[in-house]
Amino acid sequence: MPTPTKGARLGGSPAHERLMLANLATSLFRHKKITTTETKARRLRPLAEQLITKAKRGDLHSRRRVLTVVKDKDVVFELFDSIAPRYANRPGGYTRIVKTGPRKGDNAPMAIIELVEELVVAEPPAKAAKAAKKTARKATAQRDKVEALAPDDDEQVPSSKVDEETDTTAEASDADAPGAKDEVKD
């Protein structure tokens, strides 16, 4: 019988150990928290974290690799669609083990293994306002650069046409003046 790479054998054969850890992982992903012995929790943690890391990749190959361990398709769907996206920005440490008292009966040390809830840290209002002002300044500066590089339409129009346009607008503004209306009526 080959010796295990990490931790205790958990009783029985290697195949039994693999199946036991697969069932524990399935229960952990289904219920988000399970109570088990400390030894089983310590052996489950690396497996669960590897499965979550594969689920974060989200491709078909990763889904098939997870399905070799977790046989329940509903749990795999939940792992890929709701659990893994919560940990998108987290590099690891998706589970937590909390020791509880000994089990009544055989006095085995018990522990709770649970998925860590991802905390969303909100920016303080002063920093958010400062960031908004900085973004607005950058947008204004970019707009000014674009306007400076764009050719002006006034430069392409001959100056004689511009003078004629200003003369006609000046006559129109004189006609609109209050004193000009009185002169027209008299």
N, C-alpha and C. Protein backbone atom coordinates (compact mmCIF):
# COMPACT_ATOMS: atom_id res chain seq x y z
N MET A 1 0.85 -1.17 0.00
CA MET A 1 0.00 0.00 0.00
C MET A 1 0.90 1.24 0.00
N PRO A 2 0.75 2.17 -0.99
CA PRO A 2 1.60 3.36 -1.03
C PRO A 2 1.26 4.33 0.08
N THR A 3 2.26 5.03 0.57
CA THR A 3 2.02 6.01 1.62
C THR A 3 1.45 7.29 1.01
N PRO A 4 0.58 7.99 1.74
CA PRO A 4 -0.01 9.22 1.19
C PRO A 4 1.02 10.34 1.12
N THR A 5 0.79 11.26 0.21
CA THR A 5 1.73 12.37 0.05
C THR A 5 1.62 13.37 1.18
N LYS A 6 0.41 13.63 1.65
CA LYS A 6 0.22 14.60 2.74
C LYS A 6 -0.81 14.04 3.72
N GLY A 7 -0.56 14.20 4.97
CA GLY A 7 -1.55 13.91 5.99
C GLY A 7 -1.81 12.43 6.22
N ALA A 8 -2.79 12.20 7.06
CA ALA A 8 -3.15 10.84 7.45
C ALA A 8 -3.95 10.15 6.36
N ARG A 9 -4.03 8.83 6.43
CA ARG A 9 -4.71 8.02 5.42
C ARG A 9 -6.23 8.13 5.54
N LEU A 10 -6.74 8.45 6.66
CA LEU A 10 -8.18 8.54 6.95
C LEU A 10 -8.85 7.17 6.93
N GLY A 11 -8.08 6.12 7.10
CA GLY A 11 -8.64 4.77 7.20
C GLY A 11 -9.00 4.22 5.84
N GLY A 12 -8.72 2.94 5.64
CA GLY A 12 -9.10 2.28 4.40
C GLY A 12 -8.09 2.47 3.29
N SER A 13 -8.53 2.21 2.10
CA SER A 13 -7.65 2.24 0.93
C SER A 13 -7.56 3.63 0.32
N PRO A 14 -6.63 3.84 -0.60
CA PRO A 14 -6.54 5.13 -1.28
C PRO A 14 -7.81 5.48 -2.06
N ALA A 15 -8.46 4.47 -2.63
CA ALA A 15 -9.70 4.74 -3.37
C ALA A 15 -10.79 5.24 -2.42
N HIS A 16 -10.86 4.63 -1.24
CA HIS A 16 -11.85 5.07 -0.26
C HIS A 16 -11.56 6.49 0.20
N GLU A 17 -10.29 6.80 0.37
CA GLU A 17 -9.90 8.15 0.78
C GLU A 17 -10.30 9.18 -0.29
N ARG A 18 -10.04 8.87 -1.56
CA ARG A 18 -10.40 9.78 -2.65
C ARG A 18 -11.91 10.02 -2.69
N LEU A 19 -12.67 8.95 -2.55
CA LEU A 19 -14.13 9.09 -2.57
C LEU A 19 -14.65 9.88 -1.37
N MET A 20 -14.04 9.64 -0.20
CA MET A 20 -14.45 10.37 0.99
C MET A 20 -14.18 11.87 0.84
N LEU A 21 -13.00 12.22 0.31
CA LEU A 21 -12.67 13.63 0.11
C LEU A 21 -13.56 14.26 -0.96
N ALA A 22 -13.90 13.48 -1.99
CA ALA A 22 -14.79 14.00 -3.03
C ALA A 22 -16.17 14.29 -2.46
N ASN A 23 -16.66 13.40 -1.59
CA ASN A 23 -17.97 13.63 -0.96
C ASN A 23 -17.92 14.83 -0.02
N LEU A 24 -16.82 14.98 0.72
CA LEU A 24 -16.69 16.14 1.60
C LEU A 24 -16.65 17.43 0.78
N ALA A 25 -15.94 17.42 -0.35
CA ALA A 25 -15.87 18.62 -1.20
C ALA A 25 -17.24 18.95 -1.77
N THR A 26 -17.98 17.93 -2.19
CA THR A 26 -19.33 18.15 -2.71
C THR A 26 -20.22 18.77 -1.65
N SER A 27 -20.15 18.26 -0.44
CA SER A 27 -20.96 18.81 0.66
C SER A 27 -20.53 20.24 0.99
N LEU A 28 -19.24 20.50 0.96
CA LEU A 28 -18.76 21.85 1.25
C LEU A 28 -19.29 22.85 0.23
N PHE A 29 -19.24 22.50 -1.05
CA PHE A 29 -19.71 23.43 -2.07
C PHE A 29 -21.23 23.57 -2.07
N ARG A 30 -21.92 22.52 -1.67
CA ARG A 30 -23.38 22.58 -1.62
C ARG A 30 -23.87 23.42 -0.44
N HIS A 31 -23.25 23.21 0.74
CA HIS A 31 -23.75 23.85 1.96
C HIS A 31 -22.92 25.04 2.41
N LYS A 32 -21.78 25.29 1.80
CA LYS A 32 -20.86 26.39 2.11
C LYS A 32 -20.16 26.22 3.47
N LYS A 33 -20.58 25.27 4.27
CA LYS A 33 -19.99 25.03 5.59
C LYS A 33 -20.33 23.62 6.04
N ILE A 34 -19.32 22.87 6.52
CA ILE A 34 -19.59 21.54 7.05
C ILE A 34 -18.80 21.33 8.33
N THR A 35 -19.31 20.44 9.18
CA THR A 35 -18.62 20.08 10.42
C THR A 35 -18.08 18.66 10.24
N THR A 36 -16.78 18.51 10.50
CA THR A 36 -16.13 17.21 10.35
C THR A 36 -14.95 17.16 11.34
N THR A 37 -14.20 16.09 11.31
CA THR A 37 -13.04 16.02 12.20
C THR A 37 -11.93 16.94 11.67
N GLU A 38 -11.04 17.34 12.55
CA GLU A 38 -9.94 18.24 12.16
C GLU A 38 -9.08 17.61 11.07
N THR A 39 -8.81 16.31 11.19
CA THR A 39 -7.96 15.64 10.22
C THR A 39 -8.59 15.66 8.82
N LYS A 40 -9.88 15.36 8.75
CA LYS A 40 -10.55 15.39 7.45
C LYS A 40 -10.61 16.81 6.90
N ALA A 41 -10.82 17.78 7.76
CA ALA A 41 -10.86 19.17 7.31
C ALA A 41 -9.51 19.61 6.75
N ARG A 42 -8.44 19.21 7.41
CA ARG A 42 -7.10 19.57 6.92
C ARG A 42 -6.79 18.89 5.59
N ARG A 43 -7.26 17.67 5.40
CA ARG A 43 -7.04 16.97 4.13
C ARG A 43 -7.95 17.53 3.03
N LEU A 44 -9.12 18.04 3.40
CA LEU A 44 -10.07 18.57 2.42
C LEU A 44 -9.66 19.94 1.90
N ARG A 45 -9.03 20.75 2.73
CA ARG A 45 -8.72 22.13 2.36
C ARG A 45 -7.94 22.25 1.04
N PRO A 46 -6.82 21.55 0.85
CA PRO A 46 -6.10 21.71 -0.43
C PRO A 46 -6.93 21.27 -1.64
N LEU A 47 -7.70 20.21 -1.49
CA LEU A 47 -8.53 19.73 -2.59
C LEU A 47 -9.58 20.77 -2.96
N ALA A 48 -10.26 21.31 -1.96
CA ALA A 48 -11.31 22.31 -2.22
C ALA A 48 -10.71 23.55 -2.88
N GLU A 49 -9.55 23.99 -2.42
CA GLU A 49 -8.94 25.19 -3.00
C GLU A 49 -8.49 24.94 -4.44
N GLN A 50 -8.00 23.74 -4.74
CA GLN A 50 -7.64 23.42 -6.12
C GLN A 50 -8.87 23.42 -7.02
N LEU A 51 -9.97 22.89 -6.52
CA LEU A 51 -11.19 22.87 -7.33
C LEU A 51 -11.72 24.27 -7.59
N ILE A 52 -11.64 25.14 -6.59
CA ILE A 52 -12.10 26.53 -6.79
C ILE A 52 -11.18 27.25 -7.78
N THR A 53 -9.88 27.00 -7.69
CA THR A 53 -8.95 27.62 -8.64
C THR A 53 -9.24 27.16 -10.06
N LYS A 54 -9.55 25.88 -10.24
CA LYS A 54 -9.92 25.40 -11.58
C LYS A 54 -11.22 26.03 -12.04
N ALA A 55 -12.14 26.19 -11.11
CA ALA A 55 -13.43 26.80 -11.47
C ALA A 55 -13.27 28.27 -11.84
N LYS A 56 -12.29 28.94 -11.27
CA LYS A 56 -12.04 30.35 -11.61
C LYS A 56 -11.62 30.49 -13.07
N ARG A 57 -10.92 29.49 -13.61
CA ARG A 57 -10.50 29.54 -15.01
C ARG A 57 -11.72 29.48 -15.92
N GLY A 58 -12.70 28.66 -15.56
CA GLY A 58 -13.99 28.66 -16.22
C GLY A 58 -14.07 28.02 -17.59
N ASP A 59 -13.01 27.41 -18.10
CA ASP A 59 -13.08 26.82 -19.42
C ASP A 59 -13.60 25.37 -19.35
N LEU A 60 -13.84 24.79 -20.50
CA LEU A 60 -14.43 23.46 -20.57
C LEU A 60 -13.52 22.40 -19.97
N HIS A 61 -12.22 22.51 -20.22
CA HIS A 61 -11.29 21.54 -19.67
C HIS A 61 -11.31 21.56 -18.14
N SER A 62 -11.35 22.75 -17.56
CA SER A 62 -11.41 22.86 -16.10
C SER A 62 -12.70 22.26 -15.57
N ARG A 63 -13.80 22.49 -16.27
CA ARG A 63 -15.08 21.93 -15.83
C ARG A 63 -15.03 20.40 -15.84
N ARG A 64 -14.41 19.85 -16.85
CA ARG A 64 -14.31 18.39 -16.92
C ARG A 64 -13.38 17.83 -15.86
N ARG A 65 -12.32 18.57 -15.54
CA ARG A 65 -11.41 18.13 -14.47
C ARG A 65 -12.12 18.15 -13.12
N VAL A 66 -12.95 19.16 -12.88
CA VAL A 66 -13.71 19.23 -11.62
C VAL A 66 -14.74 18.12 -11.58
N LEU A 67 -15.36 17.81 -12.71
CA LEU A 67 -16.36 16.74 -12.75
C LEU A 67 -15.78 15.36 -12.45
N THR A 68 -14.46 15.18 -12.60
CA THR A 68 -13.87 13.89 -12.22
C THR A 68 -13.86 13.71 -10.71
N VAL A 69 -13.87 14.82 -9.97
CA VAL A 69 -13.87 14.74 -8.51
C VAL A 69 -15.28 14.88 -7.97
N VAL A 70 -15.96 15.96 -8.34
CA VAL A 70 -17.31 16.24 -7.87
C VAL A 70 -18.28 15.68 -8.90
N LYS A 71 -18.99 14.65 -8.57
CA LYS A 71 -19.84 13.96 -9.53
C LYS A 71 -21.20 14.62 -9.74
N ASP A 72 -21.64 15.46 -8.82
CA ASP A 72 -22.95 16.10 -8.91
C ASP A 72 -22.86 17.32 -9.83
N LYS A 73 -23.58 17.28 -10.96
CA LYS A 73 -23.51 18.35 -11.94
C LYS A 73 -24.11 19.66 -11.42
N ASP A 74 -25.11 19.57 -10.55
CA ASP A 74 -25.69 20.78 -9.99
C ASP A 74 -24.68 21.52 -9.11
N VAL A 75 -23.90 20.77 -8.35
CA VAL A 75 -22.89 21.38 -7.49
C VAL A 75 -21.77 21.98 -8.34
N VAL A 76 -21.40 21.32 -9.42
CA VAL A 76 -20.37 21.86 -10.31
C VAL A 76 -20.86 23.14 -10.96
N PHE A 77 -22.12 23.16 -11.37
CA PHE A 77 -22.69 24.38 -11.95
C PHE A 77 -22.65 25.52 -10.95
N GLU A 78 -23.04 25.24 -9.70
CA GLU A 78 -23.01 26.26 -8.66
C GLU A 78 -21.58 26.73 -8.38
N LEU A 79 -20.63 25.79 -8.39
CA LEU A 79 -19.23 26.13 -8.15
C LEU A 79 -18.72 27.08 -9.24
N PHE A 80 -19.01 26.79 -10.49
CA PHE A 80 -18.51 27.62 -11.58
C PHE A 80 -19.26 28.94 -11.71
N ASP A 81 -20.56 28.96 -11.42
CA ASP A 81 -21.35 30.16 -11.68
C ASP A 81 -21.55 31.08 -10.49
N SER A 82 -21.45 30.57 -9.27
CA SER A 82 -21.67 31.47 -8.13
C SER A 82 -20.49 31.52 -7.16
N ILE A 83 -19.83 30.39 -6.94
CA ILE A 83 -18.75 30.39 -5.95
C ILE A 83 -17.47 30.97 -6.52
N ALA A 84 -17.03 30.49 -7.68
CA ALA A 84 -15.76 30.94 -8.26
C ALA A 84 -15.73 32.43 -8.60
N PRO A 85 -16.80 33.04 -9.15
CA PRO A 85 -16.73 34.48 -9.43
C PRO A 85 -16.56 35.34 -8.18
N ARG A 86 -17.00 34.85 -7.02
CA ARG A 86 -16.80 35.62 -5.78
C ARG A 86 -15.32 35.77 -5.47
N TYR A 87 -14.51 34.81 -5.89
CA TYR A 87 -13.09 34.82 -5.56
C TYR A 87 -12.22 35.20 -6.75
N ALA A 88 -12.77 35.94 -7.70
CA ALA A 88 -12.04 36.29 -8.92
C ALA A 88 -10.78 37.09 -8.62
N ASN A 89 -10.82 37.97 -7.64
CA ASN A 89 -9.67 38.82 -7.33
C ASN A 89 -8.83 38.28 -6.18
N ARG A 90 -9.17 37.11 -5.69
CA ARG A 90 -8.46 36.54 -4.54
C ARG A 90 -7.49 35.47 -5.03
N PRO A 91 -6.20 35.56 -4.65
CA PRO A 91 -5.23 34.59 -5.16
C PRO A 91 -5.26 33.24 -4.47
N GLY A 92 -5.95 33.08 -3.39
CA GLY A 92 -6.01 31.80 -2.69
C GLY A 92 -6.65 31.99 -1.33
N GLY A 93 -6.66 30.95 -0.52
CA GLY A 93 -7.24 31.05 0.82
C GLY A 93 -8.74 31.16 0.79
N TYR A 94 -9.39 30.24 0.07
CA TYR A 94 -10.83 30.31 -0.10
C TYR A 94 -11.59 29.64 1.05
N THR A 95 -10.89 28.86 1.89
CA THR A 95 -11.56 28.14 2.98
C THR A 95 -10.97 28.54 4.33
N ARG A 96 -11.75 28.29 5.35
CA ARG A 96 -11.34 28.57 6.72
C ARG A 96 -11.68 27.36 7.57
N ILE A 97 -10.77 26.99 8.47
CA ILE A 97 -11.01 25.89 9.40
C ILE A 97 -11.08 26.47 10.80
N VAL A 98 -12.20 26.24 11.48
CA VAL A 98 -12.40 26.72 12.85
C VAL A 98 -12.56 25.50 13.74
N LYS A 99 -11.69 25.37 14.74
CA LYS A 99 -11.76 24.22 15.63
C LYS A 99 -12.91 24.40 16.60
N THR A 100 -13.62 23.29 16.85
CA THR A 100 -14.70 23.28 17.84
C THR A 100 -14.33 22.25 18.91
N GLY A 101 -15.22 22.02 19.80
CA GLY A 101 -14.94 21.08 20.89
C GLY A 101 -14.89 19.64 20.42
N PRO A 102 -14.49 18.74 21.29
CA PRO A 102 -14.42 17.32 20.92
C PRO A 102 -15.82 16.72 20.73
N ARG A 103 -15.87 15.71 19.91
CA ARG A 103 -17.14 15.03 19.62
C ARG A 103 -17.54 14.17 20.81
N LYS A 104 -18.81 14.23 21.18
CA LYS A 104 -19.31 13.41 22.28
C LYS A 104 -19.37 11.96 21.80
N GLY A 105 -18.83 11.09 22.53
CA GLY A 105 -18.82 9.67 22.15
C GLY A 105 -17.40 9.16 22.05
N ASP A 106 -16.64 9.61 21.05
CA ASP A 106 -15.27 9.13 20.91
C ASP A 106 -14.23 10.22 21.17
N ASN A 107 -14.66 11.41 21.53
CA ASN A 107 -13.78 12.51 21.91
C ASN A 107 -12.84 12.94 20.76
N ALA A 108 -13.30 12.77 19.52
CA ALA A 108 -12.49 13.16 18.37
C ALA A 108 -12.52 14.69 18.22
N PRO A 109 -11.38 15.31 17.92
CA PRO A 109 -11.37 16.77 17.75
C PRO A 109 -12.14 17.16 16.49
N MET A 110 -13.09 18.07 16.64
CA MET A 110 -13.96 18.46 15.55
C MET A 110 -13.59 19.86 15.05
N ALA A 111 -13.98 20.14 13.81
CA ALA A 111 -13.71 21.45 13.21
C ALA A 111 -14.81 21.77 12.20
N ILE A 112 -14.97 23.04 11.95
CA ILE A 112 -15.89 23.51 10.92
C ILE A 112 -15.03 24.05 9.78
N ILE A 113 -15.25 23.54 8.58
CA ILE A 113 -14.57 24.08 7.41
C ILE A 113 -15.64 24.80 6.59
N GLU A 114 -15.34 26.04 6.21
CA GLU A 114 -16.32 26.86 5.50
C GLU A 114 -15.64 27.68 4.43
N LEU A 115 -16.43 28.11 3.46
CA LEU A 115 -15.92 29.00 2.42
C LEU A 115 -15.85 30.41 2.99
N VAL A 116 -14.77 31.08 2.71
CA VAL A 116 -14.59 32.44 3.21
C VAL A 116 -15.46 33.36 2.38
N GLU A 117 -16.18 34.24 3.04
CA GLU A 117 -16.99 35.23 2.33
C GLU A 117 -16.08 36.35 1.88
N GLU A 118 -16.16 36.69 0.61
CA GLU A 118 -15.32 37.76 0.06
C GLU A 118 -15.85 39.10 0.54
N LEU A 119 -15.00 39.87 1.22
CA LEU A 119 -15.39 41.18 1.69
C LEU A 119 -15.19 42.21 0.58
N VAL A 120 -16.19 43.05 0.39
CA VAL A 120 -16.09 44.13 -0.59
C VAL A 120 -15.76 45.39 0.18
N VAL A 121 -14.58 45.93 -0.06
CA VAL A 121 -14.13 47.12 0.64
C VAL A 121 -14.56 48.32 -0.19
N ALA A 122 -15.39 49.17 0.41
CA ALA A 122 -15.85 50.37 -0.28
C ALA A 122 -14.85 51.49 -0.09
N GLU A 123 -14.71 52.33 -1.13
CA GLU A 123 -13.81 53.47 -1.04
C GLU A 123 -14.43 54.52 -0.13
N PRO A 124 -13.62 55.20 0.69
CA PRO A 124 -14.17 56.30 1.46
C PRO A 124 -14.68 57.39 0.52
N PRO A 125 -15.69 58.16 0.93
CA PRO A 125 -16.28 59.15 0.04
C PRO A 125 -15.27 60.20 -0.45
N ALA A 126 -14.31 60.60 0.38
CA ALA A 126 -13.34 61.61 -0.03
C ALA A 126 -12.47 61.08 -1.18
N LYS A 127 -12.06 59.83 -1.08
CA LYS A 127 -11.23 59.25 -2.13
C LYS A 127 -12.03 59.09 -3.42
N ALA A 128 -13.31 58.72 -3.30
CA ALA A 128 -14.14 58.55 -4.49
C ALA A 128 -14.34 59.88 -5.20
N ALA A 129 -14.58 60.96 -4.45
CA ALA A 129 -14.76 62.27 -5.05
C ALA A 129 -13.46 62.74 -5.70
N LYS A 130 -12.35 62.49 -5.04
CA LYS A 130 -11.05 62.89 -5.58
C LYS A 130 -10.77 62.13 -6.88
N ALA A 131 -11.10 60.86 -6.91
CA ALA A 131 -10.88 60.06 -8.12
C ALA A 131 -11.78 60.55 -9.26
N ALA A 132 -13.02 60.94 -8.94
CA ALA A 132 -13.93 61.45 -9.96
C ALA A 132 -13.41 62.76 -10.55
N LYS A 133 -12.89 63.65 -9.69
CA LYS A 133 -12.33 64.92 -10.18
C LYS A 133 -11.13 64.67 -11.07
N LYS A 134 -10.28 63.73 -10.67
CA LYS A 134 -9.09 63.42 -11.46
C LYS A 134 -9.48 62.88 -12.83
N THR A 135 -10.49 62.01 -12.87
CA THR A 135 -10.96 61.47 -14.14
C THR A 135 -11.53 62.57 -15.02
N ALA A 136 -12.29 63.50 -14.42
CA ALA A 136 -12.85 64.60 -15.20
C ALA A 136 -11.75 65.48 -15.76
N ARG A 137 -10.71 65.76 -14.97
CA ARG A 137 -9.59 66.57 -15.46
C ARG A 137 -8.89 65.89 -16.62
N LYS A 138 -8.69 64.59 -16.53
CA LYS A 138 -8.03 63.86 -17.61
C LYS A 138 -8.87 63.91 -18.89
N ALA A 139 -10.18 63.75 -18.76
CA ALA A 139 -11.06 63.80 -19.93
C ALA A 139 -11.04 65.18 -20.57
N THR A 140 -11.04 66.23 -19.75
CA THR A 140 -10.98 67.60 -20.27
C THR A 140 -9.66 67.85 -20.98
N ALA A 141 -8.57 67.39 -20.40
CA ALA A 141 -7.26 67.58 -21.02
C ALA A 141 -7.19 66.84 -22.35
N GLN A 142 -7.74 65.65 -22.41
CA GLN A 142 -7.74 64.89 -23.66
C GLN A 142 -8.59 65.59 -24.72
N ARG A 143 -9.73 66.13 -24.33
CA ARG A 143 -10.59 66.85 -25.26
C ARG A 143 -9.89 68.09 -25.81
N ASP A 144 -9.17 68.80 -24.93
CA ASP A 144 -8.43 69.99 -25.36
C ASP A 144 -7.33 69.63 -26.36
N LYS A 145 -6.65 68.51 -26.13
CA LYS A 145 -5.61 68.07 -27.06
C LYS A 145 -6.20 67.77 -28.43
N VAL A 146 -7.34 67.12 -28.46
CA VAL A 146 -7.98 66.77 -29.72
C VAL A 146 -8.42 68.04 -30.45
N GLU A 147 -8.97 69.01 -29.72
CA GLU A 147 -9.39 70.26 -30.34
C GLU A 147 -8.20 71.04 -30.88
N ALA A 148 -7.07 70.99 -30.18
CA ALA A 148 -5.89 71.71 -30.64
C ALA A 148 -5.32 71.09 -31.92
N LEU A 149 -5.43 69.79 -32.06
CA LEU A 149 -4.92 69.12 -33.25
C LEU A 149 -5.87 69.21 -34.44
N ALA A 150 -7.17 69.43 -34.19
CA ALA A 150 -8.14 69.51 -35.27
C ALA A 150 -7.98 70.82 -36.03
N PRO A 151 -8.10 70.82 -37.37
CA PRO A 151 -7.98 72.06 -38.14
C PRO A 151 -9.18 72.96 -37.88
N ASP A 152 -8.91 74.25 -37.79
CA ASP A 152 -9.99 75.22 -37.57
C ASP A 152 -10.72 75.46 -38.88
N ASP A 153 -12.04 75.57 -38.83
CA ASP A 153 -12.83 75.82 -40.03
C ASP A 153 -12.68 77.28 -40.48
N ASP A 154 -12.40 78.22 -39.55
CA ASP A 154 -12.29 79.64 -39.88
C ASP A 154 -11.09 79.91 -40.77
N GLU A 155 -10.02 79.15 -40.63
CA GLU A 155 -8.82 79.38 -41.40
C GLU A 155 -9.02 79.02 -42.87
N GLN A 156 -9.90 78.13 -43.19
CA GLN A 156 -10.10 77.70 -44.56
C GLN A 156 -11.02 78.64 -45.34
N VAL A 157 -11.82 79.42 -44.66
CA VAL A 157 -12.75 80.34 -45.33
C VAL A 157 -11.99 81.62 -45.68
N PRO A 158 -12.11 82.15 -46.92
CA PRO A 158 -11.42 83.40 -47.29
C PRO A 158 -11.88 84.54 -46.40
N SER A 159 -10.98 85.48 -46.12
CA SER A 159 -11.27 86.57 -45.19
C SER A 159 -12.34 87.51 -45.71
N SER A 160 -12.49 87.69 -47.04
CA SER A 160 -13.51 88.58 -47.58
C SER A 160 -14.91 88.07 -47.26
N LYS A 161 -15.10 86.74 -47.30
CA LYS A 161 -16.41 86.17 -46.97
C LYS A 161 -16.72 86.35 -45.50
N VAL A 162 -15.69 86.26 -44.66
CA VAL A 162 -15.90 86.43 -43.23
C VAL A 162 -16.32 87.87 -42.95
N ASP A 163 -15.72 88.86 -43.63
CA ASP A 163 -16.09 90.26 -43.43
C ASP A 163 -17.52 90.50 -43.86
N GLU A 164 -17.95 89.90 -44.98
CA GLU A 164 -19.32 90.07 -45.44
C GLU A 164 -20.30 89.48 -44.44
N GLU A 165 -19.96 88.32 -43.88
CA GLU A 165 -20.85 87.69 -42.91
C GLU A 165 -20.97 88.55 -41.66
N THR A 166 -19.88 89.14 -41.21
CA THR A 166 -19.94 89.99 -40.01
C THR A 166 -20.71 91.26 -40.28
N ASP A 167 -20.62 91.83 -41.52
CA ASP A 167 -21.38 93.03 -41.85
C ASP A 167 -22.87 92.74 -41.83
N THR A 168 -23.30 91.60 -42.38
CA THR A 168 -24.72 91.28 -42.41
C THR A 168 -25.23 91.01 -41.01
N THR A 169 -24.43 90.41 -40.18
CA THR A 169 -24.87 90.17 -38.81
C THR A 169 -24.91 91.47 -38.03
N ALA A 170 -24.02 92.41 -38.36
CA ALA A 170 -24.05 93.69 -37.68
C ALA A 170 -25.30 94.47 -38.06
N GLU A 171 -25.71 94.42 -39.34
CA GLU A 171 -26.92 95.11 -39.77
C GLU A 171 -28.14 94.49 -39.11
N ALA A 172 -28.15 93.18 -38.99
CA ALA A 172 -29.28 92.50 -38.36
C ALA A 172 -29.35 92.85 -36.89
N SER A 173 -28.22 93.00 -36.24
CA SER A 173 -28.25 93.33 -34.83
C SER A 173 -28.67 94.78 -34.63
N ASP A 174 -28.33 95.68 -35.59
CA ASP A 174 -28.78 97.07 -35.49
C ASP A 174 -30.28 97.15 -35.65
N ALA A 175 -30.84 96.31 -36.50
CA ALA A 175 -32.28 96.31 -36.71
C ALA A 175 -33.01 95.77 -35.49
N ASP A 176 -32.37 94.90 -34.77
CA ASP A 176 -32.99 94.33 -33.59
C ASP A 176 -32.91 95.25 -32.38
N ALA A 177 -32.08 96.24 -32.43
CA ALA A 177 -31.91 97.14 -31.28
C ALA A 177 -33.22 97.92 -31.06
N PRO A 178 -33.53 98.30 -29.80
CA PRO A 178 -34.79 98.99 -29.52
C PRO A 178 -34.90 100.35 -30.18
N GLY A 179 -33.82 101.08 -30.24
CA GLY A 179 -33.87 102.40 -30.87
C GLY A 179 -34.04 102.30 -32.36
N ALA A 180 -33.55 101.22 -32.97
CA ALA A 180 -33.63 101.05 -34.42
C ALA A 180 -35.06 100.83 -34.86
N LYS A 181 -35.85 100.19 -34.07
CA LYS A 181 -37.25 99.95 -34.43
C LYS A 181 -38.03 101.24 -34.44
N ASP A 182 -37.70 102.12 -33.50
CA ASP A 182 -38.40 103.42 -33.47
C ASP A 182 -38.08 104.22 -34.71
N GLU A 183 -36.81 104.16 -35.15
CA GLU A 183 -36.41 104.91 -36.32
C GLU A 183 -37.09 104.37 -37.56
N VAL A 184 -37.29 103.08 -37.62
CA VAL A 184 -37.92 102.48 -38.80
C VAL A 184 -39.38 102.89 -38.86
N LYS A 185 -40.05 102.99 -37.72
CA LYS A 185 -41.46 103.33 -37.69
C LYS A 185 -41.66 104.80 -38.05
N ASP A 186 -40.76 105.70 -37.70
CA ASP A 186 -40.96 107.13 -37.96
C ASP A 186 -40.80 107.51 -39.33
